[in-house]
């Protein structure tokens, strides 16, 4: 998937969202990110790749990197995602928004 980076394999995020509605339909996107990848400023990001749920006779692939951790209540944090899927069936979809909260930062 990506070059090996030493990080905590127990720290990842899940998300359940839908793509943008394009060509008259949307796809569900069920995702579990890779482990945390430290950044030079002391934060971290996550890599993710996969397929959106098959819909309207096709699916789309994606490969993305999250934004940095954003602190929320109770020492949890989220990451924002904003990416496009591959072009399949002459269109693509956008996926954007936060993932599910995880502890620590």
Protein backbone atom coordinates (compact mmCIF):
# COMPACT_ATOMS: atom_id res chain seq x y z
CA UNK A 1 0.00 0.00 0.00
CA UNK A 2 2.52 2.64 1.15
CA UNK A 3 6.16 2.65 2.22
CA UNK A 4 6.64 1.11 5.66
CA UNK A 5 6.56 3.68 8.46
CA UNK A 6 7.00 2.70 12.11
CA UNK A 7 3.84 3.67 13.98
CA UNK A 8 1.34 2.26 16.44
CA UNK A 9 -0.71 -0.38 14.58
CA UNK A 10 -3.42 -0.07 17.22
CA UNK A 11 -4.14 3.55 16.28
CA UNK A 12 -6.47 3.85 13.32
CA UNK A 13 -9.86 5.34 12.49
CA UNK A 14 -13.03 4.07 10.90
CA UNK A 15 -15.63 5.95 8.93
CA UNK A 16 -18.99 5.35 7.35
CA UNK A 17 -20.02 7.95 4.80
CA UNK A 18 -21.36 8.41 1.30
CA UNK A 19 -19.70 9.87 -1.75
CA UNK A 20 -21.03 12.92 -3.52
CA UNK A 21 -24.01 12.30 -5.79
CA UNK A 22 -22.74 12.25 -9.36
CA UNK A 23 -24.26 10.72 -12.49
CA UNK A 24 -27.51 10.27 -10.54
CA UNK A 25 -26.18 8.13 -7.69
CA UNK A 26 -23.86 7.93 -4.66
CA UNK A 27 -21.81 5.10 -3.15
CA UNK A 28 -21.37 4.14 0.47
CA UNK A 29 -17.77 4.39 1.64
CA UNK A 30 -16.86 2.09 4.56
CA UNK A 31 -13.27 2.70 5.59
CA UNK A 32 -10.65 1.73 8.16
CA UNK A 33 -7.53 3.85 7.91
CA UNK A 34 -3.97 2.68 8.16
CA UNK A 35 -2.03 3.31 11.36
CA UNK A 36 -0.82 6.77 12.37
CA UNK A 37 2.06 8.27 10.39
CA UNK A 38 3.95 10.92 12.40
CA UNK A 39 4.47 14.32 10.78
CA UNK A 40 7.44 16.63 11.28
CA UNK A 41 5.39 19.05 13.41
CA UNK A 42 4.49 16.43 16.05
CA UNK A 43 1.05 15.64 14.65
CA UNK A 44 0.09 12.62 12.52
CA UNK A 45 -1.95 11.62 9.47
CA UNK A 46 -3.39 8.36 8.15
CA UNK A 47 -3.28 6.71 4.73
CA UNK A 48 -6.22 4.80 3.35
CA UNK A 49 -7.21 3.04 0.16
CA UNK A 50 -10.02 0.82 -0.95
CA UNK A 51 -13.20 0.56 -2.96
CA UNK A 52 -16.55 2.24 -2.41
CA UNK A 53 -19.56 -0.06 -2.29
CA UNK A 54 -20.71 -1.43 -5.68
CA UNK A 55 -23.67 0.64 -6.90
CA UNK A 56 -25.31 1.44 -10.22
CA UNK A 57 -23.38 -1.37 -11.94
CA UNK A 58 -19.85 -0.28 -10.94
CA UNK A 59 -17.47 0.71 -8.14
CA UNK A 60 -14.66 3.25 -7.68
CA UNK A 61 -11.21 2.96 -6.11
CA UNK A 62 -9.61 5.56 -3.85
CA UNK A 63 -6.22 6.21 -2.28
CA UNK A 64 -5.94 9.13 0.13
CA UNK A 65 -4.12 10.80 3.01
CA UNK A 66 -6.02 12.41 5.88
CA UNK A 67 -5.48 15.85 7.27
CA UNK A 68 -3.71 16.23 10.63
CA UNK A 69 -5.36 15.26 13.92
CA UNK A 70 -7.95 17.75 15.18
CA UNK A 71 -8.55 17.59 18.96
CA UNK A 72 -12.13 17.22 20.22
CA UNK A 73 -13.60 16.63 23.69
CA UNK A 74 -12.34 14.02 26.19
CA UNK A 75 -8.82 13.71 24.70
CA UNK A 76 -10.16 12.32 21.42
CA UNK A 77 -9.40 13.54 17.93
CA UNK A 78 -10.65 13.23 14.34
CA UNK A 79 -9.12 13.72 10.89
CA UNK A 80 -10.69 15.40 7.90
CA UNK A 81 -10.66 13.59 4.57
CA UNK A 82 -11.13 15.22 1.18
CA UNK A 83 -10.43 13.18 -1.95
CA UNK A 84 -11.85 11.95 -5.24
CA UNK A 85 -12.37 8.40 -6.40
CA UNK A 86 -11.11 7.04 -9.68
CA UNK A 87 -13.06 7.75 -12.84
CA UNK A 88 -15.24 4.76 -13.67
CA UNK A 89 -18.33 4.66 -15.88
CA UNK A 90 -17.29 8.16 -17.14
CA UNK A 91 -17.52 9.91 -13.74
CA UNK A 92 -15.96 10.14 -10.30
CA UNK A 93 -17.13 11.01 -6.79
CA UNK A 94 -15.85 13.19 -3.98
CA UNK A 95 -15.54 11.97 -0.39
CA UNK A 96 -15.12 14.58 2.33
CA UNK A 97 -15.66 15.00 6.04
CA UNK A 98 -14.34 13.75 9.38
CA UNK A 99 -13.69 10.15 10.36
CA UNK A 100 -14.77 8.53 13.63
CA UNK A 101 -13.11 9.84 16.84
CA UNK A 102 -10.12 8.00 18.34
CA UNK A 103 -8.38 8.55 21.70
CA UNK A 104 -5.15 10.47 22.12
CA UNK A 105 -3.34 12.74 19.72
